[in-house]
Protein backbone atom coordinates (compact mmCIF):
# COMPACT_ATOMS: atom_id res chain seq x y z
CA UNK A 1 173.93 120.39 137.23
CA UNK A 2 176.25 117.62 137.10
CA UNK A 3 175.55 114.14 135.02
CA UNK A 4 176.37 111.31 137.26
CA UNK A 5 177.90 108.14 135.62
CA UNK A 6 174.40 106.42 136.88
CA UNK A 7 172.65 108.92 135.25
CA UNK A 8 174.36 108.80 131.73
CA UNK A 9 173.50 105.23 131.77
CA UNK A 10 170.24 105.17 132.96
CA UNK A 11 169.59 107.51 129.73
CA UNK A 12 171.66 105.29 128.08
CA UNK A 13 169.19 102.07 129.35
CA UNK A 14 166.40 104.16 128.59
CA UNK A 15 167.34 104.92 125.09
CA UNK A 16 167.91 101.44 124.31
CA UNK A 17 164.38 100.50 125.34
CA UNK A 18 163.13 103.56 123.08
CA UNK A 19 165.02 101.35 120.26
CA UNK A 20 163.38 98.73 121.25
CA UNK A 21 159.97 99.78 121.97
CA UNK A 22 156.98 97.63 120.89
CA UNK A 23 159.67 94.29 121.00
CA UNK A 24 159.44 91.27 123.56
CA UNK A 25 161.15 92.47 126.82
CA UNK A 26 164.97 92.94 126.65
CA UNK A 27 167.18 90.81 128.88
CA UNK A 28 169.46 92.70 131.07
CA UNK A 29 172.34 91.28 129.19
CA UNK A 30 171.13 92.84 126.32
CA UNK A 31 171.26 96.30 126.92
CA UNK A 32 174.38 95.62 128.93
CA UNK A 33 175.89 94.53 125.47
CA UNK A 34 174.12 97.48 123.56
CA UNK A 35 174.77 100.35 125.71
CA UNK A 36 178.31 99.20 126.81
CA UNK A 37 177.05 99.42 130.43
CA UNK A 38 178.41 96.94 133.27
CA UNK A 39 175.52 94.67 134.47
CA UNK A 40 175.69 94.61 137.86
CA UNK A 41 175.12 98.84 138.00
CA UNK A 42 172.86 98.53 135.48
CA UNK A 43 170.29 96.13 137.35
CA UNK A 44 170.57 98.53 140.22
CA UNK A 45 169.49 101.38 137.84
CA UNK A 46 167.16 99.82 136.00
CA UNK A 47 165.56 98.50 139.19
CA UNK A 48 165.15 102.39 140.21
CA UNK A 49 164.02 103.43 137.07
CA UNK A 50 161.05 100.52 137.49
CA UNK A 51 160.55 101.98 140.90
CA UNK A 52 159.44 104.81 139.74
CA UNK A 53 157.07 103.94 137.04
CA UNK A 54 159.82 104.19 133.70
CA UNK A 55 160.27 100.42 133.20
CA UNK A 56 158.33 97.17 133.74
CA UNK A 57 160.06 93.99 133.88
CA UNK A 58 159.03 90.22 133.39
CA UNK A 59 160.60 87.15 134.79
CA UNK A 60 161.86 84.16 133.40
CA UNK A 61 162.95 83.21 130.23
CA UNK A 62 161.07 85.37 127.99
CA UNK A 63 161.45 88.09 130.28
CA UNK A 64 163.21 91.14 130.60
CA UNK A 65 162.03 95.26 130.74
CA UNK A 66 160.22 97.35 128.56
CA UNK A 67 159.11 100.78 128.55
CA UNK A 68 156.19 101.64 131.08
CA UNK A 69 154.78 103.93 128.91
CA UNK A 70 155.72 105.04 124.90
CA UNK A 71 159.18 106.87 124.54
CA UNK A 72 157.45 110.06 123.34
CA UNK A 73 155.90 110.60 127.10
CA UNK A 74 159.51 110.25 128.70
CA UNK A 75 161.35 112.95 128.57
CA UNK A 76 165.53 113.23 129.77
CA UNK A 77 164.82 115.37 132.04
CA UNK A 78 162.40 112.77 134.20
CA UNK A 79 164.89 110.29 133.98
CA UNK A 80 168.29 112.61 135.04
CA UNK A 81 165.97 113.79 137.98
CA UNK A 82 165.43 110.49 139.22
CA UNK A 83 169.14 109.77 139.00
CA UNK A 84 170.86 113.03 139.89
CA UNK A 85 168.11 115.20 141.39
CA UNK A 86 167.48 118.65 140.01
CA UNK A 87 168.58 119.86 136.77
CA UNK A 88 169.94 123.20 139.08
CA UNK A 89 173.22 124.26 138.78
CA UNK A 90 172.84 125.66 142.27
CA UNK A 91 169.76 125.41 145.17
CA UNK A 92 169.04 128.55 145.53
CA UNK A 93 167.77 128.31 141.16
CA UNK A 94 165.80 125.16 141.67
CA UNK A 95 162.52 124.84 140.72
CA UNK A 96 161.93 121.46 141.91
CA UNK A 97 164.47 121.21 145.40
CA UNK A 98 165.06 125.39 145.93
CA UNK A 99 167.30 125.93 148.90
CA UNK A 100 167.34 129.67 150.34
CA UNK A 101 170.01 131.51 150.26
CA UNK A 102 171.15 134.20 152.45
CA UNK A 103 172.43 136.59 149.33
CA UNK A 104 169.85 135.37 146.98
CA UNK A 105 168.43 139.05 146.60
CA UNK A 106 171.63 140.66 145.82
CA UNK A 107 173.51 138.05 144.63
CA UNK A 108 174.90 139.12 141.40
CA UNK A 109 175.29 135.21 140.25
CA UNK A 110 171.68 133.92 140.59
CA UNK A 111 170.64 135.22 137.15
CA UNK A 112 173.26 133.28 135.73
CA UNK A 113 172.58 130.41 137.15
CA UNK A 114 168.61 130.91 136.68
CA UNK A 115 169.69 131.35 132.71
CA UNK A 116 171.62 128.38 133.18
CA UNK A 117 168.99 126.18 134.81
CA UNK A 118 166.50 127.47 132.50
CA UNK A 119 168.25 126.41 129.24
CA UNK A 120 169.15 122.95 130.35
CA UNK A 121 165.69 122.14 131.55
CA UNK A 122 164.11 123.56 128.26
CA UNK A 123 166.69 121.04 126.21
CA UNK A 124 166.19 118.09 128.62
CA UNK A 125 162.56 118.29 128.85
CA UNK A 126 162.04 118.90 124.88
CA UNK A 127 163.95 115.68 124.58
CA UNK A 128 161.80 112.62 124.85
CA UNK A 129 163.70 109.00 124.23
CA UNK A 130 161.53 108.83 121.09
CA UNK A 131 163.33 111.81 119.67
CA UNK A 132 166.89 110.28 120.61
CA UNK A 133 165.93 107.05 119.43
CA UNK A 134 164.99 109.01 115.74
CA UNK A 135 168.65 110.23 116.21
CA UNK A 136 169.99 107.07 116.60
CA UNK A 137 168.04 105.36 114.03
CA UNK A 138 169.54 108.42 111.49
CA UNK A 139 172.78 108.05 112.63
CA UNK A 140 172.97 104.21 111.96
CA UNK A 141 171.27 104.86 108.87
CA UNK A 142 174.15 107.09 107.90
CA UNK A 143 172.34 110.12 107.98
CA UNK A 144 173.09 113.42 109.94
CA UNK A 145 169.84 114.09 112.50
CA UNK A 146 168.76 117.41 112.22
CA UNK A 147 168.92 119.98 114.85
CA UNK A 148 165.57 120.47 116.23
CA UNK A 149 164.08 123.62 118.80
CA UNK A 150 163.29 121.74 121.63
CA UNK A 151 159.69 121.60 122.91
CA UNK A 152 158.57 123.81 125.29
CA UNK A 153 157.49 122.85 128.46
CA UNK A 154 157.84 124.33 132.04
CA UNK A 155 161.09 125.02 132.77
CA UNK A 156 162.12 123.11 136.21
CA UNK A 157 165.24 122.11 138.03
């Protein structure tokens, strides 16, 4: 898995909206400034997240973006997959976009790549944007956020 700038910015935008969950819609300029994301690039990202059902938008002076569902029901893995594709480092171990490899049966590296995919998927699938918002609030309050074991979900790639 390689996290693109688009995937990083989408995650930061979703975090900002999770921090403001329950508030009135957030204007794109506010998200851009709070998360240091170029506004023109952010617009494309937010439209893609909206198309996939993660955001709602409202036009007008009181318009902006909100999460389409509670932040505890959106995993980081979902957003990364929307922006960057499978979490697997190589196609032959991907669950969501498996690619057949002629070396699969006797590859000495496949087990390593599968373990890598499973570890990444477990962390990202087990971390919701509500979790990240809680960590961020703790950091802002001067607390050291506690590490936690990710919730177990079915690993995918």
